[in-house]
Structures are given as structure tokens and as C-alpha cells.
Amino acid sequence: MNLPEIKSEEDIRNALAGWNRFGIEVYVATFKIPKGKISTYGRIAKRIGAPKSYRAVANALHKNPLHPVVPCHRVVKSDGGFGGDPERAAERRILVAKEGVPIEDGKVKMSEEILYE
């Protein structure tokens, strides 16, 4: 996907015009996670008003057309684990570790300090 420069929530919505609303809301919520913080699929689902849709959030992020602008690597399972295939999980683990997120035994060491809303 050849996209214009994306710097805001509005830019994301414009870049994904015609996509389904659920996916756009997932990408917008994920876009807001700052470097050095993480969220979970469940927290994203709650944030967009679909609290039981954490698996659909994971599926949407698996298809993220805006990475790394929409930092899907900052979204993990509720236990701090990295979902998906092992190779992609390892890549995401490396990215968040480089951003200062603590990793222990292959998972994010969960704390209120690093959790974003």
C-alpha cells in the first residue's frame, strides 16, 4: 500500500477510507500507544467499545497495512506473550525491547508503569 505521510488519527482514517470501521478503530487506538508502552488485545477491544472482540483485534493487527506507523508490535496478549507465528513474535519482542519495554522469559513483564490505558 503506497500511503501519504501519516502523522495523525485523521491521516489514518483518510489512508484507510473504504476499510471496515472496526479495523480503522483498532488501528487508530493502536496508533496512540507511545514508544516504551504496551497495550493488550483486550484493552484495545475495550477502548473501541467492543470488549469481547479481543480476537478480532488480534486478527486486524495481524493484517496491519500501516506498520510501523501503527505500532502493532506494542500490542500483546494479556499475559504479556506475543501472539502469532514464532518468527513474527520474536521480531515484535525485539522491537518492544529496543523501545525499553522489559521482557522476562520471552514475555513482557507486565506492570502499570508500561501499560497504556
C-alpha atoms as a PDB file:
ATOM      1  CA  MET A   1       0.000   0.000   0.000  1.00  0.00           C
ATOM      2  CA  ASN A   2       1.549   3.307  -1.097  1.00  0.00           C
ATOM      3  CA  LEU A   3       0.470   5.793   1.571  1.00  0.00           C
ATOM      4  CA  PRO A   4       0.884   9.502   2.150  1.00  0.00           C
ATOM      5  CA  GLU A   5       2.781  10.602   5.258  1.00  0.00           C
ATOM      6  CA  ILE A   6       0.761   9.684   8.341  1.00  0.00           C
ATOM      7  CA  LYS A   7       1.066  11.829  11.454  1.00  0.00           C
ATOM      8  CA  SER A   8      -2.413  11.889  12.957  1.00  0.00           C
ATOM      9  CA  GLU A   9      -5.572   9.925  13.642  1.00  0.00           C
ATOM     10  CA  GLU A  10      -7.215  11.790  10.765  1.00  0.00           C
ATOM     11  CA  ASP A  11      -4.399  10.715   8.417  1.00  0.00           C
ATOM     12  CA  ILE A  12      -5.036   7.080   9.348  1.00  0.00           C
ATOM     13  CA  ARG A  13      -8.768   7.434   8.733  1.00  0.00           C
ATOM     14  CA  ASN A  14      -8.091   9.068   5.350  1.00  0.00           C
ATOM     15  CA  ALA A  15      -5.499   6.465   4.331  1.00  0.00           C
ATOM     16  CA  LEU A  16      -7.953   3.665   5.145  1.00  0.00           C
ATOM     17  CA  ALA A  17     -11.071   5.240   3.657  1.00  0.00           C
ATOM     18  CA  GLY A  18     -13.290   2.400   2.481  1.00  0.00           C
ATOM     19  CA  TRP A  19     -11.964  -0.095   5.050  1.00  0.00           C
ATOM     20  CA  ASN A  20     -14.319  -1.506   7.691  1.00  0.00           C
ATOM     21  CA  ARG A  21     -14.968   0.709  10.706  1.00  0.00           C
ATOM     22  CA  PHE A  22     -13.803  -1.912  13.215  1.00  0.00           C
ATOM     23  CA  GLY A  23     -10.369  -2.208  11.637  1.00  0.00           C
ATOM     24  CA  ILE A  24      -9.952   1.543  11.398  1.00  0.00           C
ATOM     25  CA  GLU A  25     -10.835   1.947  15.087  1.00  0.00           C
ATOM     26  CA  VAL A  26      -8.301  -0.761  16.013  1.00  0.00           C
ATOM     27  CA  TYR A  27      -5.562   0.973  14.004  1.00  0.00           C
ATOM     28  CA  VAL A  28      -6.409   4.406  15.444  1.00  0.00           C
ATOM     29  CA  ALA A  29      -6.338   3.062  19.025  1.00  0.00           C
ATOM     30  CA  THR A  30      -3.043   1.272  18.368  1.00  0.00           C
ATOM     31  CA  PHE A  31      -1.536   4.386  16.743  1.00  0.00           C
ATOM     32  CA  LYS A  32      -1.931   6.179  20.102  1.00  0.00           C
ATOM     33  CA  ILE A  33       0.289   3.750  22.062  1.00  0.00           C
ATOM     34  CA  PRO A  34       3.518   5.641  22.810  1.00  0.00           C
ATOM     35  CA  LYS A  35       7.011   4.225  22.477  1.00  0.00           C
ATOM     36  CA  GLY A  36       8.016   2.332  25.625  1.00  0.00           C
ATOM     37  CA  LYS A  37       4.421   1.392  26.464  1.00  0.00           C
ATOM     38  CA  ILE A  38       2.296  -1.599  25.534  1.00  0.00           C
ATOM     39  CA  SER A  39      -1.365  -2.490  25.469  1.00  0.00           C
ATOM     40  CA  THR A  40      -3.231  -5.758  25.177  1.00  0.00           C
ATOM     41  CA  TYR A  41      -5.710  -7.028  22.618  1.00  0.00           C
ATOM     42  CA  GLY A  42      -8.372  -6.882  25.343  1.00  0.00           C
ATOM     43  CA  ARG A  43      -7.581  -3.283  26.277  1.00  0.00           C
ATOM     44  CA  ILE A  44      -7.778  -2.221  22.629  1.00  0.00           C
ATOM     45  CA  ALA A  45     -11.119  -4.034  22.296  1.00  0.00           C
ATOM     46  CA  LYS A  46     -12.481  -2.195  25.354  1.00  0.00           C
ATOM     47  CA  ARG A  47     -11.103   1.129  24.143  1.00  0.00           C
ATOM     48  CA  ILE A  48     -13.008   0.857  20.847  1.00  0.00           C
ATOM     49  CA  GLY A  49     -16.235  -0.217  22.551  1.00  0.00           C
ATOM     50  CA  ALA A  50     -16.115  -3.916  21.643  1.00  0.00           C
ATOM     51  CA  PRO A  51     -14.840  -5.534  24.857  1.00  0.00           C
ATOM     52  CA  LYS A  52     -15.417  -9.137  23.779  1.00  0.00           C
ATOM     53  CA  SER A  53     -13.687  -8.687  20.423  1.00  0.00           C
ATOM     54  CA  TYR A  54     -10.077  -9.161  21.514  1.00  0.00           C
ATOM     55  CA  ARG A  55      -9.546 -11.974  18.978  1.00  0.00           C
ATOM     56  CA  ALA A  56     -10.877  -9.769  16.183  1.00  0.00           C
ATOM     57  CA  VAL A  57      -8.461  -7.055  17.345  1.00  0.00           C
ATOM     58  CA  ALA A  58      -5.602  -9.560  17.057  1.00  0.00           C
ATOM     59  CA  ASN A  59      -6.752 -10.548  13.563  1.00  0.00           C
ATOM     60  CA  ALA A  60      -6.976  -6.912  12.454  1.00  0.00           C
ATOM     61  CA  LEU A  61      -3.494  -6.165  13.757  1.00  0.00           C
ATOM     62  CA  HIS A  62      -2.156  -9.274  12.022  1.00  0.00           C
ATOM     63  CA  LYS A  63      -3.212  -7.593   8.765  1.00  0.00           C
ATOM     64  CA  ASN A  64      -1.941  -4.112   9.722  1.00  0.00           C
ATOM     65  CA  PRO A  65      -1.219  -2.274   6.451  1.00  0.00           C
ATOM     66  CA  LEU A  66       0.302   0.716   8.264  1.00  0.00           C
ATOM     67  CA  HIS A  67       3.146  -0.847  10.271  1.00  0.00           C
ATOM     68  CA  PRO A  68       5.322   0.669  11.685  1.00  0.00           C
ATOM     69  CA  VAL A  69       3.272   3.904  11.790  1.00  0.00           C
ATOM     70  CA  VAL A  70       0.553   1.920  13.556  1.00  0.00           C
ATOM     71  CA  PRO A  71       2.787   0.103  16.077  1.00  0.00           C
ATOM     72  CA  CYS A  72       1.062  -3.270  16.313  1.00  0.00           C
ATOM     73  CA  HIS A  73       4.238  -4.666  17.890  1.00  0.00           C
ATOM     74  CA  ARG A  74       3.173  -2.798  21.058  1.00  0.00           C
ATOM     75  CA  VAL A  75       0.046  -4.935  21.496  1.00  0.00           C
ATOM     76  CA  VAL A  76       0.416  -8.230  23.358  1.00  0.00           C
ATOM     77  CA  LYS A  77      -1.681 -10.948  24.943  1.00  0.00           C
ATOM     78  CA  SER A  78      -2.993 -10.305  28.462  1.00  0.00           C
ATOM     79  CA  ASP A  79      -0.219 -12.473  29.951  1.00  0.00           C
ATOM     80  CA  GLY A  80       2.458 -10.428  28.159  1.00  0.00           C
ATOM     81  CA  GLY A  81       3.011 -13.046  25.481  1.00  0.00           C
ATOM     82  CA  PHE A  82       3.431 -12.327  21.806  1.00  0.00           C
ATOM     83  CA  GLY A  83       0.793 -13.991  19.641  1.00  0.00           C
ATOM     84  CA  GLY A  84       1.138 -15.217  16.094  1.00  0.00           C
ATOM     85  CA  ASP A  85       3.797 -17.336  14.477  1.00  0.00           C
ATOM     86  CA  PRO A  86       7.095 -17.688  16.372  1.00  0.00           C
ATOM     87  CA  GLU A  87       9.206 -15.727  13.863  1.00  0.00           C
ATOM     88  CA  ARG A  88       6.920 -12.668  13.855  1.00  0.00           C
ATOM     89  CA  ALA A  89       6.517 -12.903  17.645  1.00  0.00           C
ATOM     90  CA  ALA A  90      10.315 -12.818  18.024  1.00  0.00           C
ATOM     91  CA  GLU A  91      10.525  -9.745  15.772  1.00  0.00           C
ATOM     92  CA  ARG A  92       7.902  -7.919  17.837  1.00  0.00           C
ATOM     93  CA  ARG A  93       9.627  -8.913  21.077  1.00  0.00           C
ATOM     94  CA  ILE A  94      12.893  -7.399  19.775  1.00  0.00           C
ATOM     95  CA  LEU A  95      11.133  -4.173  18.728  1.00  0.00           C
ATOM     96  CA  VAL A  96       9.474  -3.568  22.103  1.00  0.00           C
ATOM     97  CA  ALA A  97      12.677  -4.454  23.974  1.00  0.00           C
ATOM     98  CA  LYS A  98      14.534  -1.828  21.889  1.00  0.00           C
ATOM     99  CA  GLU A  99      11.846   0.663  22.979  1.00  0.00           C
ATOM    100  CA  GLY A 100      12.593  -0.037  26.641  1.00  0.00           C
ATOM    101  CA  VAL A 101       9.789  -2.472  27.461  1.00  0.00           C
ATOM    102  CA  PRO A 102      11.032  -5.076  29.969  1.00  0.00           C
ATOM    103  CA  ILE A 103      10.992  -8.675  28.728  1.00  0.00           C
ATOM    104  CA  GLU A 104      11.246 -11.674  31.038  1.00  0.00           C
ATOM    105  CA  ASP A 105      11.142 -15.301  29.883  1.00  0.00           C
ATOM    106  CA  GLY A 106      10.064 -14.211  26.386  1.00  0.00           C
ATOM    107  CA  LYS A 107       7.108 -12.133  27.593  1.00  0.00           C
ATOM    108  CA  VAL A 108       6.530  -8.516  28.514  1.00  0.00           C
ATOM    109  CA  LYS A 109       6.985  -8.067  32.251  1.00  0.00           C
ATOM    110  CA  MET A 110       3.553  -6.566  32.833  1.00  0.00           C
ATOM    111  CA  SER A 111       3.226  -3.566  35.149  1.00  0.00           C
ATOM    112  CA  GLU A 112       1.042  -0.487  35.419  1.00  0.00           C
ATOM    113  CA  GLU A 113       4.127   1.541  34.510  1.00  0.00           C
ATOM    114  CA  ILE A 114       4.282   0.209  30.955  1.00  0.00           C
ATOM    115  CA  LEU A 115       0.596  -0.477  30.296  1.00  0.00           C
ATOM    116  CA  TYR A 116      -1.093   2.106  28.143  1.00  0.00           C
ATOM    117  CA  GLU A 117      -4.730   2.579  29.101  1.00  0.00           C
END
